[in-house]
Amino acid sequence: MMLIPIAHAGHWLVSVLYLVPIVVVVAGLGWQVWREKRREAAEGTEAPDSPPAG
């Protein structure tokens, strides 16, 4: 039976640290889009880049 070697937790932690800035940026952009959509819905306005209705 062959055992699969698993890296030490410290090695995984160092690798995961490279993802932290990416996750922060993506989460920030998602939060901004979510807030903008809620604001537009509350004001009853369309997005500025939307074509006029009619």
N, C-alpha and C. Protein backbone atom coordinates (compact mmCIF):
# COMPACT_ATOMS: atom_id res chain seq x y z
N MET A 1 0.84 -1.18 0.00
CA MET A 1 0.00 0.00 0.00
C MET A 1 0.89 1.24 0.00
N MET A 2 0.57 2.17 -0.90
CA MET A 2 1.38 3.38 -1.02
C MET A 2 0.73 4.52 -0.24
N LEU A 3 1.47 5.17 0.61
CA LEU A 3 0.96 6.30 1.38
C LEU A 3 1.25 7.60 0.65
N ILE A 4 0.29 8.49 0.66
CA ILE A 4 0.47 9.79 0.02
C ILE A 4 1.08 10.74 1.04
N PRO A 5 2.24 11.29 0.74
CA PRO A 5 2.84 12.22 1.70
C PRO A 5 2.06 13.54 1.75
N ILE A 6 1.86 14.02 2.94
CA ILE A 6 1.15 15.28 3.14
C ILE A 6 2.16 16.28 3.72
N ALA A 7 2.18 17.46 3.14
CA ALA A 7 3.14 18.48 3.58
C ALA A 7 2.82 18.93 4.99
N HIS A 8 3.82 19.38 5.64
CA HIS A 8 3.69 19.93 6.98
C HIS A 8 2.75 21.14 6.94
N ALA A 9 2.01 21.38 8.01
CA ALA A 9 1.04 22.49 8.05
C ALA A 9 1.71 23.83 7.78
N GLY A 10 2.94 23.99 8.19
CA GLY A 10 3.67 25.23 7.93
C GLY A 10 3.88 25.48 6.45
N HIS A 11 4.11 24.44 5.70
CA HIS A 11 4.27 24.59 4.25
C HIS A 11 2.96 25.01 3.61
N TRP A 12 1.85 24.46 4.07
CA TRP A 12 0.54 24.83 3.55
C TRP A 12 0.23 26.28 3.89
N LEU A 13 0.57 26.68 5.09
CA LEU A 13 0.29 28.05 5.53
C LEU A 13 1.02 29.07 4.66
N VAL A 14 2.25 28.81 4.34
CA VAL A 14 3.01 29.72 3.49
C VAL A 14 2.37 29.81 2.10
N SER A 15 1.91 28.69 1.58
CA SER A 15 1.27 28.70 0.27
C SER A 15 -0.06 29.45 0.31
N VAL A 16 -0.81 29.29 1.37
CA VAL A 16 -2.11 29.96 1.50
C VAL A 16 -1.93 31.47 1.65
N LEU A 17 -0.85 31.90 2.24
CA LEU A 17 -0.62 33.34 2.42
C LEU A 17 -0.56 34.08 1.08
N TYR A 18 -0.18 33.39 0.02
CA TYR A 18 -0.17 34.03 -1.30
C TYR A 18 -1.59 34.33 -1.78
N LEU A 19 -2.56 33.58 -1.30
CA LEU A 19 -3.94 33.77 -1.71
C LEU A 19 -4.65 34.88 -0.94
N VAL A 20 -4.16 35.24 0.22
CA VAL A 20 -4.84 36.23 1.07
C VAL A 20 -5.08 37.55 0.35
N PRO A 21 -4.09 38.17 -0.29
CA PRO A 21 -4.36 39.44 -0.98
C PRO A 21 -5.39 39.30 -2.10
N ILE A 22 -5.37 38.19 -2.80
CA ILE A 22 -6.33 37.98 -3.88
C ILE A 22 -7.74 37.87 -3.30
N VAL A 23 -7.89 37.12 -2.22
CA VAL A 23 -9.20 36.97 -1.58
C VAL A 23 -9.71 38.31 -1.06
N VAL A 24 -8.82 39.12 -0.50
CA VAL A 24 -9.22 40.43 0.02
C VAL A 24 -9.71 41.33 -1.12
N VAL A 25 -9.01 41.36 -2.23
CA VAL A 25 -9.40 42.21 -3.36
C VAL A 25 -10.73 41.74 -3.95
N VAL A 26 -10.88 40.44 -4.16
CA VAL A 26 -12.13 39.91 -4.72
C VAL A 26 -13.30 40.17 -3.77
N ALA A 27 -13.10 39.98 -2.48
CA ALA A 27 -14.16 40.24 -1.51
C ALA A 27 -14.51 41.73 -1.49
N GLY A 28 -13.53 42.60 -1.58
CA GLY A 28 -13.79 44.04 -1.60
C GLY A 28 -14.57 44.46 -2.83
N LEU A 29 -14.23 43.91 -3.98
CA LEU A 29 -14.97 44.23 -5.21
C LEU A 29 -16.40 43.70 -5.13
N GLY A 30 -16.57 42.51 -4.60
CA GLY A 30 -17.90 41.95 -4.43
C GLY A 30 -18.75 42.78 -3.49
N TRP A 31 -18.16 43.23 -2.39
CA TRP A 31 -18.85 44.08 -1.43
C TRP A 31 -19.27 45.40 -2.08
N GLN A 32 -18.40 45.98 -2.86
CA GLN A 32 -18.70 47.24 -3.53
C GLN A 32 -19.85 47.09 -4.52
N VAL A 33 -19.85 46.03 -5.29
CA VAL A 33 -20.93 45.78 -6.26
C VAL A 33 -22.24 45.57 -5.52
N TRP A 34 -22.20 44.81 -4.44
CA TRP A 34 -23.40 44.53 -3.65
C TRP A 34 -23.98 45.82 -3.07
N ARG A 35 -23.11 46.68 -2.51
CA ARG A 35 -23.58 47.95 -1.93
C ARG A 35 -24.17 48.86 -3.00
N GLU A 36 -23.54 48.90 -4.17
CA GLU A 36 -24.03 49.75 -5.26
C GLU A 36 -25.41 49.29 -5.72
N LYS A 37 -25.60 47.99 -5.85
CA LYS A 37 -26.90 47.47 -6.27
C LYS A 37 -27.97 47.77 -5.23
N ARG A 38 -27.63 47.65 -3.96
CA ARG A 38 -28.60 47.97 -2.90
C ARG A 38 -28.94 49.45 -2.91
N ARG A 39 -27.93 50.30 -3.11
CA ARG A 39 -28.18 51.74 -3.14
C ARG A 39 -29.09 52.10 -4.31
N GLU A 40 -28.82 51.53 -5.48
CA GLU A 40 -29.64 51.82 -6.65
C GLU A 40 -31.07 51.33 -6.44
N ALA A 41 -31.23 50.16 -5.82
CA ALA A 41 -32.57 49.64 -5.58
C ALA A 41 -33.31 50.52 -4.58
N ALA A 42 -32.62 51.03 -3.58
CA ALA A 42 -33.25 51.88 -2.58
C ALA A 42 -33.66 53.23 -3.17
N GLU A 43 -32.85 53.75 -4.09
CA GLU A 43 -33.15 55.04 -4.71
C GLU A 43 -34.11 54.88 -5.89
N GLY A 44 -34.24 53.68 -6.40
CA GLY A 44 -35.09 53.45 -7.56
C GLY A 44 -34.49 53.98 -8.83
N THR A 45 -33.18 54.06 -8.89
CA THR A 45 -32.51 54.57 -10.08
C THR A 45 -31.88 53.43 -10.85
N GLU A 46 -31.58 53.69 -12.10
CA GLU A 46 -30.88 52.73 -12.92
C GLU A 46 -29.39 53.01 -12.87
N ALA A 47 -28.62 52.03 -13.25
CA ALA A 47 -27.17 52.23 -13.34
C ALA A 47 -26.89 53.22 -14.45
N PRO A 48 -25.85 54.07 -14.33
CA PRO A 48 -25.56 55.08 -15.32
C PRO A 48 -25.28 54.52 -16.71
N ASP A 49 -24.80 53.28 -16.81
CA ASP A 49 -24.49 52.74 -18.12
C ASP A 49 -25.66 51.96 -18.72
N SER A 50 -26.81 51.98 -18.07
CA SER A 50 -27.98 51.29 -18.61
C SER A 50 -28.64 52.14 -19.69
N PRO A 51 -29.12 51.50 -20.75
CA PRO A 51 -29.82 52.28 -21.79
C PRO A 51 -31.17 52.76 -21.25
N PRO A 52 -31.66 53.89 -21.74
CA PRO A 52 -32.94 54.39 -21.26
C PRO A 52 -34.07 53.45 -21.61
N ALA A 53 -35.04 53.34 -20.71
CA ALA A 53 -36.18 52.45 -20.94
C ALA A 53 -37.14 53.13 -21.92
N GLY A 54 -37.75 52.32 -22.78
CA GLY A 54 -38.77 52.86 -23.66
C GLY A 54 -38.38 52.80 -25.05
